[in-house]
Amino acid sequence: MGLKKTEAKEYARMLFLDTSQKLNNKEIAERVGVRQNTIAKWIEEEGWKKLRKSLMVTRQKMISDLYDQLEWLNNHIITRKVVYDVPEALLKPRITRDKDGKEKVEQPKYNEEDFPVIVGNFASSKEANTIAVITTSIKRLETETSIAEIYEVATGFLDFIKPQDFDLYKRLVPLFDVFINSKLS
């Protein structure tokens, strides 16, 4: 006897979300015992692609990438060349005459550190804003529960309930689907 529609749908969902197997719709349909267009319909109607994408990008990977971006930006700021606001007149060579009347080109002497900094080893307002956005994103990722974690807990709980009370399991699966989909919106 084949699977009931809700069981088939749940099994198809689990196979679709299991990225380690890399099954296509045809393979999922064959394993579940439904038509391929039924799988495509479920994927579209239930938002499984969005859910799978959120499960594939782990929070740790996103946090790690954000820390890498922050490190790169800070290193860029620290190591860039400091540019001083030296007056234009001091940057141009001058033609002078020595005591014999010969012309010679001289570069004016100055200490560039005596002038204001145009570009320094500190964040510009745009860079400071970028740093603030990255650190806020890191904080949010480190403290908020991700869809992947919600899904993992939900499936773990359902796996725990299933052998003990299958009727309860069947009633909870659609509720967890609605709950998870509400978190994706």
N, C-alpha and C. Protein backbone atom coordinates (compact mmCIF):
# COMPACT_ATOMS: atom_id res chain seq x y z
N MET A 1 0.84 -1.19 0.00
CA MET A 1 0.00 0.00 0.00
C MET A 1 0.89 1.25 0.00
N GLY A 2 0.51 2.28 -0.79
CA GLY A 2 1.30 3.49 -0.91
C GLY A 2 1.13 4.41 0.29
N LEU A 3 1.91 5.46 0.29
CA LEU A 3 1.85 6.45 1.37
C LEU A 3 0.59 7.30 1.22
N LYS A 4 0.04 7.75 2.35
CA LYS A 4 -1.04 8.72 2.31
C LYS A 4 -0.48 10.02 1.76
N LYS A 5 -1.37 10.89 1.25
CA LYS A 5 -0.93 12.13 0.62
C LYS A 5 -0.08 12.98 1.58
N THR A 6 -0.52 13.12 2.84
CA THR A 6 0.26 13.94 3.79
C THR A 6 1.61 13.31 4.08
N GLU A 7 1.65 11.97 4.17
CA GLU A 7 2.92 11.28 4.41
C GLU A 7 3.83 11.41 3.20
N ALA A 8 3.24 11.28 2.00
CA ALA A 8 4.02 11.41 0.77
C ALA A 8 4.61 12.82 0.66
N LYS A 9 3.78 13.80 0.99
CA LYS A 9 4.24 15.19 0.91
C LYS A 9 5.37 15.44 1.90
N GLU A 10 5.22 14.94 3.13
CA GLU A 10 6.25 15.13 4.15
C GLU A 10 7.55 14.42 3.74
N TYR A 11 7.41 13.21 3.20
CA TYR A 11 8.59 12.45 2.76
C TYR A 11 9.28 13.19 1.61
N ALA A 12 8.48 13.70 0.67
CA ALA A 12 9.03 14.46 -0.46
C ALA A 12 9.76 15.70 0.04
N ARG A 13 9.15 16.36 1.01
CA ARG A 13 9.77 17.57 1.58
C ARG A 13 11.12 17.24 2.22
N MET A 14 11.15 16.15 2.98
CA MET A 14 12.42 15.75 3.62
C MET A 14 13.47 15.44 2.57
N LEU A 15 13.09 14.73 1.50
CA LEU A 15 14.05 14.41 0.43
C LEU A 15 14.52 15.67 -0.29
N PHE A 16 13.61 16.60 -0.54
CA PHE A 16 13.96 17.84 -1.22
C PHE A 16 14.91 18.68 -0.37
N LEU A 17 14.66 18.73 0.92
CA LEU A 17 15.49 19.55 1.81
C LEU A 17 16.83 18.91 2.14
N ASP A 18 16.95 17.60 1.92
CA ASP A 18 18.21 16.91 2.20
C ASP A 18 19.18 17.17 1.06
N THR A 19 19.99 18.19 1.21
CA THR A 19 20.91 18.61 0.13
C THR A 19 22.07 17.65 -0.06
N SER A 20 22.29 16.76 0.89
CA SER A 20 23.41 15.82 0.75
C SER A 20 23.14 14.80 -0.36
N GLN A 21 21.86 14.50 -0.63
CA GLN A 21 21.53 13.52 -1.67
C GLN A 21 21.44 14.14 -3.06
N LYS A 22 21.17 15.45 -3.12
CA LYS A 22 21.08 16.17 -4.39
C LYS A 22 20.11 15.50 -5.37
N LEU A 23 18.93 15.17 -4.89
CA LEU A 23 17.93 14.53 -5.73
C LEU A 23 17.19 15.57 -6.57
N ASN A 24 16.86 15.21 -7.82
CA ASN A 24 16.04 16.11 -8.62
C ASN A 24 14.57 15.73 -8.42
N ASN A 25 13.67 16.51 -9.00
CA ASN A 25 12.24 16.29 -8.80
C ASN A 25 11.79 14.91 -9.27
N LYS A 26 12.36 14.44 -10.37
CA LYS A 26 11.99 13.12 -10.91
C LYS A 26 12.38 12.02 -9.93
N GLU A 27 13.58 12.11 -9.38
CA GLU A 27 14.04 11.10 -8.42
C GLU A 27 13.20 11.11 -7.15
N ILE A 28 12.86 12.30 -6.69
CA ILE A 28 12.01 12.42 -5.49
C ILE A 28 10.64 11.81 -5.78
N ALA A 29 10.07 12.13 -6.95
CA ALA A 29 8.76 11.59 -7.33
C ALA A 29 8.78 10.07 -7.36
N GLU A 30 9.84 9.49 -7.93
CA GLU A 30 9.94 8.03 -7.99
C GLU A 30 10.03 7.42 -6.60
N ARG A 31 10.80 8.02 -5.72
CA ARG A 31 10.96 7.47 -4.37
C ARG A 31 9.68 7.60 -3.54
N VAL A 32 8.96 8.68 -3.75
CA VAL A 32 7.75 8.94 -2.97
C VAL A 32 6.54 8.21 -3.56
N GLY A 33 6.57 8.00 -4.89
CA GLY A 33 5.45 7.32 -5.53
C GLY A 33 4.37 8.27 -6.02
N VAL A 34 4.78 9.47 -6.42
CA VAL A 34 3.85 10.45 -6.99
C VAL A 34 4.42 10.93 -8.32
N ARG A 35 3.59 11.73 -9.03
CA ARG A 35 4.07 12.25 -10.31
C ARG A 35 5.03 13.42 -10.09
N GLN A 36 5.90 13.61 -11.07
CA GLN A 36 6.91 14.67 -10.99
C GLN A 36 6.27 16.05 -10.89
N ASN A 37 5.16 16.28 -11.61
CA ASN A 37 4.52 17.59 -11.55
C ASN A 37 3.88 17.84 -10.18
N THR A 38 3.55 16.77 -9.44
CA THR A 38 3.05 16.92 -8.07
C THR A 38 4.16 17.45 -7.18
N ILE A 39 5.35 16.91 -7.35
CA ILE A 39 6.52 17.39 -6.58
C ILE A 39 6.76 18.86 -6.89
N ALA A 40 6.74 19.22 -8.18
CA ALA A 40 6.96 20.61 -8.59
C ALA A 40 5.90 21.52 -7.97
N LYS A 41 4.67 21.07 -7.95
CA LYS A 41 3.57 21.85 -7.37
C LYS A 41 3.80 22.06 -5.87
N TRP A 42 4.17 21.00 -5.15
CA TRP A 42 4.43 21.11 -3.71
C TRP A 42 5.59 22.07 -3.44
N ILE A 43 6.64 21.94 -4.23
CA ILE A 43 7.81 22.81 -4.06
C ILE A 43 7.41 24.27 -4.19
N GLU A 44 6.61 24.56 -5.22
CA GLU A 44 6.18 25.94 -5.47
C GLU A 44 5.21 26.44 -4.41
N GLU A 45 4.16 25.66 -4.15
CA GLU A 45 3.11 26.09 -3.21
C GLU A 45 3.61 26.21 -1.77
N GLU A 46 4.50 25.33 -1.36
CA GLU A 46 4.94 25.28 0.03
C GLU A 46 6.20 26.11 0.29
N GLY A 47 6.80 26.66 -0.78
CA GLY A 47 8.00 27.48 -0.60
C GLY A 47 9.23 26.68 -0.18
N TRP A 48 9.33 25.45 -0.68
CA TRP A 48 10.45 24.59 -0.27
C TRP A 48 11.79 25.11 -0.75
N LYS A 49 11.83 25.78 -1.91
CA LYS A 49 13.12 26.29 -2.41
C LYS A 49 13.71 27.32 -1.45
N LYS A 50 12.86 28.21 -0.99
CA LYS A 50 13.30 29.24 -0.05
C LYS A 50 13.78 28.61 1.25
N LEU A 51 13.04 27.60 1.71
CA LEU A 51 13.42 26.90 2.94
C LEU A 51 14.76 26.19 2.75
N ARG A 52 14.94 25.50 1.62
CA ARG A 52 16.19 24.78 1.36
C ARG A 52 17.36 25.76 1.31
N LYS A 53 17.15 26.90 0.66
CA LYS A 53 18.23 27.89 0.57
C LYS A 53 18.63 28.38 1.96
N SER A 54 17.63 28.62 2.81
CA SER A 54 17.94 29.10 4.16
C SER A 54 18.65 28.03 4.98
N LEU A 55 18.38 26.77 4.68
CA LEU A 55 19.05 25.68 5.40
C LEU A 55 20.49 25.48 4.92
N MET A 56 20.74 25.81 3.64
CA MET A 56 22.07 25.58 3.07
C MET A 56 23.09 26.60 3.57
N VAL A 57 22.65 27.83 3.78
CA VAL A 57 23.57 28.86 4.24
C VAL A 57 23.49 28.87 5.78
N THR A 58 24.49 28.30 6.39
CA THR A 58 24.46 28.22 7.84
C THR A 58 24.78 29.56 8.47
N ARG A 59 24.28 29.74 9.64
CA ARG A 59 24.51 30.98 10.37
C ARG A 59 26.01 31.15 10.64
N GLN A 60 26.68 30.07 11.02
CA GLN A 60 28.12 30.15 11.30
C GLN A 60 28.90 30.62 10.08
N LYS A 61 28.50 30.16 8.89
CA LYS A 61 29.17 30.57 7.66
C LYS A 61 28.95 32.06 7.41
N MET A 62 27.72 32.52 7.62
CA MET A 62 27.44 33.95 7.42
C MET A 62 28.22 34.80 8.42
N ILE A 63 28.27 34.36 9.68
CA ILE A 63 29.01 35.11 10.70
C ILE A 63 30.49 35.14 10.35
N SER A 64 31.02 34.01 9.93
CA SER A 64 32.43 33.93 9.54
C SER A 64 32.73 34.87 8.37
N ASP A 65 31.85 34.89 7.38
CA ASP A 65 32.04 35.78 6.23
C ASP A 65 32.00 37.25 6.65
N LEU A 66 31.09 37.59 7.55
CA LEU A 66 31.00 38.97 8.03
C LEU A 66 32.25 39.37 8.81
N TYR A 67 32.76 38.45 9.65
CA TYR A 67 34.00 38.75 10.37
C TYR A 67 35.16 38.94 9.38
N ASP A 68 35.20 38.14 8.31
CA ASP A 68 36.23 38.30 7.28
C ASP A 68 36.14 39.67 6.62
N GLN A 69 34.91 40.11 6.31
CA GLN A 69 34.72 41.42 5.70
C GLN A 69 35.16 42.54 6.65
N LEU A 70 34.81 42.40 7.90
CA LEU A 70 35.19 43.39 8.91
C LEU A 70 36.72 43.44 9.05
N GLU A 71 37.34 42.28 9.09
CA GLU A 71 38.81 42.22 9.20
C GLU A 71 39.46 42.87 7.98
N TRP A 72 38.95 42.58 6.77
CA TRP A 72 39.52 43.16 5.56
C TRP A 72 39.40 44.69 5.60
N LEU A 73 38.21 45.18 5.96
CA LEU A 73 38.00 46.62 6.01
C LEU A 73 38.92 47.29 7.03
N ASN A 74 39.03 46.71 8.21
CA ASN A 74 39.92 47.28 9.23
C ASN A 74 41.38 47.25 8.79
N ASN A 75 41.81 46.16 8.17
CA ASN A 75 43.19 46.09 7.66
C ASN A 75 43.42 47.13 6.57
N HIS A 76 42.43 47.32 5.72
CA HIS A 76 42.54 48.33 4.65
C HIS A 76 42.71 49.73 5.26
N ILE A 77 41.93 50.02 6.28
CA ILE A 77 42.00 51.34 6.93
C ILE A 77 43.35 51.53 7.60
N ILE A 78 43.81 50.52 8.31
CA ILE A 78 45.06 50.62 9.07
C ILE A 78 46.28 50.73 8.16
N THR A 79 46.26 50.05 7.03
CA THR A 79 47.47 49.98 6.19
C THR A 79 47.49 50.98 5.04
N ARG A 80 46.42 51.72 4.84
CA ARG A 80 46.44 52.64 3.70
C ARG A 80 47.38 53.83 3.99
N LYS A 81 47.86 54.41 2.90
CA LYS A 81 48.79 55.54 2.99
C LYS A 81 48.04 56.77 3.50
N VAL A 82 48.65 57.43 4.44
CA VAL A 82 48.09 58.67 4.97
C VAL A 82 48.38 59.78 3.97
N VAL A 83 47.35 60.57 3.63
CA VAL A 83 47.50 61.68 2.69
C VAL A 83 47.24 62.97 3.47
N TYR A 84 48.19 63.91 3.35
CA TYR A 84 48.09 65.18 4.06
C TYR A 84 47.65 66.28 3.11
N ASP A 85 47.04 67.31 3.65
CA ASP A 85 46.54 68.44 2.86
C ASP A 85 47.64 69.49 2.73
N VAL A 86 48.65 69.14 1.93
CA VAL A 86 49.77 70.05 1.71
C VAL A 86 49.35 71.07 0.66
N PRO A 87 49.59 72.37 0.91
CA PRO A 87 49.18 73.40 -0.07
C PRO A 87 49.81 73.14 -1.44
N GLU A 88 49.03 73.43 -2.46
CA GLU A 88 49.45 73.21 -3.84
C GLU A 88 50.79 73.88 -4.15
N ALA A 89 51.02 75.06 -3.61
CA ALA A 89 52.26 75.81 -3.89
C ALA A 89 53.50 75.04 -3.44
N LEU A 90 53.38 74.26 -2.37
CA LEU A 90 54.53 73.50 -1.89
C LEU A 90 54.77 72.22 -2.70
N LEU A 91 53.77 71.82 -3.47
CA LEU A 91 53.92 70.59 -4.25
C LEU A 91 54.59 70.83 -5.60
N LYS A 92 54.57 72.08 -6.06
CA LYS A 92 55.14 72.41 -7.36
C LYS A 92 56.61 72.81 -7.20
N PRO A 93 57.46 72.33 -8.11
CA PRO A 93 58.87 72.75 -8.05
C PRO A 93 59.00 74.24 -8.44
N ARG A 94 60.03 74.88 -7.88
CA ARG A 94 60.28 76.30 -8.16
C ARG A 94 61.59 76.43 -8.92
N ILE A 95 61.58 77.43 -9.77
CA ILE A 95 62.83 77.73 -10.50
C ILE A 95 63.51 78.87 -9.74
N THR A 96 64.74 78.59 -9.34
CA THR A 96 65.51 79.61 -8.61
C THR A 96 66.85 79.80 -9.30
N ARG A 97 67.54 80.84 -8.89
CA ARG A 97 68.88 81.11 -9.45
C ARG A 97 69.88 81.03 -8.31
N ASP A 98 71.00 80.41 -8.66
CA ASP A 98 72.05 80.37 -7.64
C ASP A 98 72.84 81.67 -7.70
N LYS A 99 73.91 81.78 -6.90
CA LYS A 99 74.66 83.05 -6.85
C LYS A 99 75.37 83.36 -8.15
N ASP A 100 75.57 82.39 -9.01
CA ASP A 100 76.19 82.63 -10.32
C ASP A 100 75.14 82.97 -11.38
N GLY A 101 73.86 82.95 -11.02
CA GLY A 101 72.78 83.28 -11.94
C GLY A 101 72.25 82.11 -12.72
N LYS A 102 72.75 80.90 -12.41
CA LYS A 102 72.23 79.72 -13.12
C LYS A 102 70.88 79.35 -12.54
N GLU A 103 69.97 79.00 -13.47
CA GLU A 103 68.66 78.55 -13.03
C GLU A 103 68.74 77.09 -12.57
N LYS A 104 67.98 76.84 -11.53
CA LYS A 104 67.88 75.45 -11.10
C LYS A 104 66.47 75.22 -10.56
N VAL A 105 66.03 73.97 -10.67
CA VAL A 105 64.69 73.59 -10.20
C VAL A 105 64.83 73.01 -8.80
N GLU A 106 64.06 73.58 -7.87
CA GLU A 106 64.11 73.08 -6.49
C GLU A 106 62.71 72.70 -6.04
N GLN A 107 62.66 71.64 -5.32
CA GLN A 107 61.40 71.21 -4.69
C GLN A 107 61.35 71.87 -3.31
N PRO A 108 60.26 72.58 -3.00
CA PRO A 108 60.19 73.21 -1.67
C PRO A 108 60.29 72.14 -0.57
N LYS A 109 60.92 72.51 0.51
CA LYS A 109 61.04 71.59 1.63
C LYS A 109 59.93 71.86 2.63
N TYR A 110 59.31 70.78 3.08
CA TYR A 110 58.23 70.90 4.07
C TYR A 110 58.07 69.56 4.78
N ASN A 111 57.45 69.60 5.90
CA ASN A 111 57.12 68.37 6.64
C ASN A 111 55.61 68.16 6.46
N GLU A 112 55.23 67.13 5.68
CA GLU A 112 53.82 66.92 5.38
C GLU A 112 52.98 66.68 6.63
N GLU A 113 53.59 66.18 7.70
CA GLU A 113 52.84 65.91 8.93
C GLU A 113 52.43 67.20 9.65
N ASP A 114 52.96 68.34 9.18
CA ASP A 114 52.55 69.63 9.75
C ASP A 114 51.18 70.08 9.21
N PHE A 115 50.65 69.37 8.23
CA PHE A 115 49.40 69.76 7.59
C PHE A 115 48.28 68.79 7.96
N PRO A 116 47.02 69.23 7.80
CA PRO A 116 45.89 68.36 8.15
C PRO A 116 45.86 67.08 7.30
N VAL A 117 45.30 66.05 7.88
CA VAL A 117 45.17 64.75 7.19
C VAL A 117 43.92 64.77 6.33
N ILE A 118 44.06 64.37 5.07
CA ILE A 118 42.91 64.21 4.17
C ILE A 118 42.39 62.77 4.29
N VAL A 119 43.30 61.84 4.10
CA VAL A 119 42.98 60.41 4.22
C VAL A 119 43.94 59.84 5.24
N GLY A 120 43.37 59.24 6.27
CA GLY A 120 44.22 58.71 7.33
C GLY A 120 43.90 57.28 7.66
N ASN A 121 44.48 56.83 8.75
CA ASN A 121 44.28 55.46 9.22
C ASN A 121 43.09 55.39 10.17
N PHE A 122 42.02 56.06 9.79
CA PHE A 122 40.78 56.02 10.54
C PHE A 122 39.65 55.89 9.52
N ALA A 123 38.53 55.40 9.97
CA ALA A 123 37.41 55.14 9.06
C ALA A 123 36.76 56.44 8.59
N SER A 124 36.46 56.48 7.31
CA SER A 124 35.66 57.59 6.78
C SER A 124 34.23 57.37 7.27
N SER A 125 33.36 58.34 7.05
CA SER A 125 31.97 58.18 7.50
C SER A 125 31.31 57.00 6.80
N LYS A 126 31.62 56.79 5.53
CA LYS A 126 31.06 55.66 4.78
C LYS A 126 31.59 54.34 5.35
N GLU A 127 32.89 54.30 5.64
CA GLU A 127 33.48 53.08 6.22
C GLU A 127 32.94 52.81 7.62
N ALA A 128 32.77 53.86 8.40
CA ALA A 128 32.22 53.70 9.76
C ALA A 128 30.81 53.15 9.69
N ASN A 129 30.03 53.63 8.73
CA ASN A 129 28.68 53.13 8.54
C ASN A 129 28.70 51.65 8.15
N THR A 130 29.60 51.28 7.25
CA THR A 130 29.73 49.88 6.83
C THR A 130 30.11 49.00 8.02
N ILE A 131 31.04 49.47 8.83
CA ILE A 131 31.45 48.72 10.03
C ILE A 131 30.26 48.54 10.97
N ALA A 132 29.48 49.59 11.15
CA ALA A 132 28.30 49.52 12.03
C ALA A 132 27.28 48.51 11.50
N VAL A 133 27.06 48.52 10.20
CA VAL A 133 26.11 47.58 9.59
C VAL A 133 26.60 46.14 9.76
N ILE A 134 27.88 45.91 9.51
CA ILE A 134 28.43 44.55 9.65
C ILE A 134 28.35 44.08 11.10
N THR A 135 28.73 44.93 12.04
CA THR A 135 28.71 44.50 13.44
C THR A 135 27.28 44.27 13.93
N THR A 136 26.33 45.07 13.45
CA THR A 136 24.92 44.84 13.79
C THR A 136 24.44 43.52 13.23
N SER A 137 24.84 43.21 12.01
CA SER A 137 24.47 41.93 11.40
C SER A 137 25.05 40.76 12.17
N ILE A 138 26.30 40.88 12.59
CA ILE A 138 26.95 39.82 13.37
C ILE A 138 26.20 39.61 14.68
N LYS A 139 25.90 40.72 15.36
CA LYS A 139 25.19 40.62 16.64
C LYS A 139 23.83 39.94 16.46
N ARG A 140 23.11 40.34 15.43
CA ARG A 140 21.80 39.76 15.17
C ARG A 140 21.92 38.25 14.88
N LEU A 141 22.89 37.90 14.06
CA LEU A 141 23.08 36.48 13.73
C LEU A 141 23.50 35.66 14.95
N GLU A 142 24.29 36.27 15.82
CA GLU A 142 24.76 35.54 17.00
C GLU A 142 23.68 35.38 18.07
N THR A 143 22.67 36.24 18.02
CA THR A 143 21.67 36.19 19.10
C THR A 143 20.30 35.69 18.65
N GLU A 144 19.96 35.80 17.37
CA GLU A 144 18.64 35.36 16.91
C GLU A 144 18.67 33.91 16.46
N THR A 145 17.53 33.28 16.55
CA THR A 145 17.37 31.90 16.11
C THR A 145 17.16 31.90 14.60
N SER A 146 17.89 31.05 13.90
CA SER A 146 17.77 30.99 12.45
C SER A 146 16.68 30.01 12.04
N ILE A 147 16.25 30.13 10.80
CA ILE A 147 15.27 29.21 10.24
C ILE A 147 15.83 27.79 10.27
N ALA A 148 17.12 27.66 9.99
CA ALA A 148 17.73 26.33 10.01
C ALA A 148 17.61 25.70 11.40
N GLU A 149 17.83 26.49 12.44
CA GLU A 149 17.72 25.96 13.80
C GLU A 149 16.27 25.62 14.14
N ILE A 150 15.34 26.47 13.73
CA ILE A 150 13.92 26.18 13.96
C ILE A 150 13.54 24.88 13.27
N TYR A 151 13.98 24.75 12.01
CA TYR A 151 13.68 23.54 11.25
C TYR A 151 14.30 22.31 11.92
N GLU A 152 15.54 22.44 12.35
CA GLU A 152 16.24 21.33 12.98
C GLU A 152 15.53 20.89 14.27
N VAL A 153 15.13 21.83 15.08
CA VAL A 153 14.41 21.51 16.32
C VAL A 153 13.05 20.90 15.99
N ALA A 154 12.36 21.48 15.03
CA ALA A 154 11.03 20.97 14.65
C ALA A 154 11.11 19.53 14.15
N THR A 155 12.05 19.27 13.24
CA THR A 155 12.16 17.90 12.72
C THR A 155 12.64 16.94 13.80
N GLY A 156 13.51 17.40 14.67
CA GLY A 156 13.95 16.54 15.78
C GLY A 156 12.79 16.20 16.70
N PHE A 157 11.97 17.19 16.99
CA PHE A 157 10.80 16.95 17.85
C PHE A 157 9.82 16.01 17.16
N LEU A 158 9.57 16.24 15.87
CA LEU A 158 8.66 15.37 15.12
C LEU A 158 9.19 13.94 15.06
N ASP A 159 10.48 13.79 14.86
CA ASP A 159 11.08 12.44 14.85
C ASP A 159 10.93 11.76 16.20
N PHE A 160 10.98 12.55 17.27
CA PHE A 160 10.79 12.01 18.62
C PHE A 160 9.34 11.57 18.85
N ILE A 161 8.39 12.38 18.37
CA ILE A 161 6.96 12.11 18.58
C ILE A 161 6.48 10.95 17.70
N LYS A 162 6.97 10.86 16.48
CA LYS A 162 6.45 9.92 15.48
C LYS A 162 6.30 8.49 15.99
N PRO A 163 7.33 7.87 16.58
CA PRO A 163 7.15 6.47 17.02
C PRO A 163 6.26 6.35 18.27
N GLN A 164 6.12 7.42 19.01
CA GLN A 164 5.35 7.36 20.25
C GLN A 164 3.86 7.60 20.02
N ASP A 165 3.54 8.56 19.16
CA ASP A 165 2.13 8.91 18.91
C ASP A 165 2.01 9.41 17.49
N PHE A 166 1.78 8.47 16.56
CA PHE A 166 1.78 8.80 15.15
C PHE A 166 0.65 9.77 14.79
N ASP A 167 -0.50 9.64 15.44
CA ASP A 167 -1.62 10.56 15.16
C ASP A 167 -1.25 11.99 15.54
N LEU A 168 -0.60 12.15 16.69
CA LEU A 168 -0.13 13.48 17.10
C LEU A 168 0.89 14.00 16.09
N TYR A 169 1.79 13.13 15.66
CA TYR A 169 2.79 13.49 14.65
C TYR A 169 2.11 14.04 13.40
N LYS A 170 1.08 13.35 12.91
CA LYS A 170 0.38 13.76 11.69
C LYS A 170 -0.32 15.11 11.89
N ARG A 171 -0.78 15.40 13.09
CA ARG A 171 -1.43 16.69 13.36
C ARG A 171 -0.39 17.81 13.49
N LEU A 172 0.80 17.49 13.99
CA LEU A 172 1.83 18.51 14.21
C LEU A 172 2.57 18.92 12.94
N VAL A 173 2.77 17.98 12.01
CA VAL A 173 3.55 18.28 10.80
C VAL A 173 3.01 19.51 10.06
N PRO A 174 1.70 19.58 9.77
CA PRO A 174 1.21 20.79 9.07
C PRO A 174 1.38 22.06 9.91
N LEU A 175 1.26 21.95 11.21
CA LEU A 175 1.44 23.12 12.06
C LEU A 175 2.88 23.62 12.02
N PHE A 176 3.84 22.68 12.07
CA PHE A 176 5.24 23.09 11.96
C PHE A 176 5.53 23.69 10.59
N ASP A 177 4.90 23.13 9.53
CA ASP A 177 5.09 23.70 8.19
C ASP A 177 4.62 25.15 8.15
N VAL A 178 3.44 25.41 8.70
CA VAL A 178 2.89 26.77 8.72
C VAL A 178 3.80 27.67 9.55
N PHE A 179 4.24 27.17 10.71
CA PHE A 179 5.11 27.96 11.58
C PHE A 179 6.42 28.32 10.88
N ILE A 180 7.06 27.35 10.27
CA ILE A 180 8.34 27.59 9.58
C ILE A 180 8.14 28.53 8.42
N ASN A 181 7.07 28.32 7.63
CA ASN A 181 6.81 29.21 6.51
C ASN A 181 6.51 30.63 6.98
N SER A 182 5.89 30.78 8.14
CA SER A 182 5.63 32.12 8.66
C SER A 182 6.94 32.83 9.03
N LYS A 183 7.94 32.07 9.43
CA LYS A 183 9.25 32.66 9.76
C LYS A 183 10.00 33.08 8.51
N LEU A 184 9.67 32.46 7.36
CA LEU A 184 10.33 32.80 6.10
C LEU A 184 9.76 34.06 5.49
N SER A 185 8.56 34.44 5.85
CA SER A 185 7.89 35.61 5.24
C SER A 185 8.43 36.90 5.79
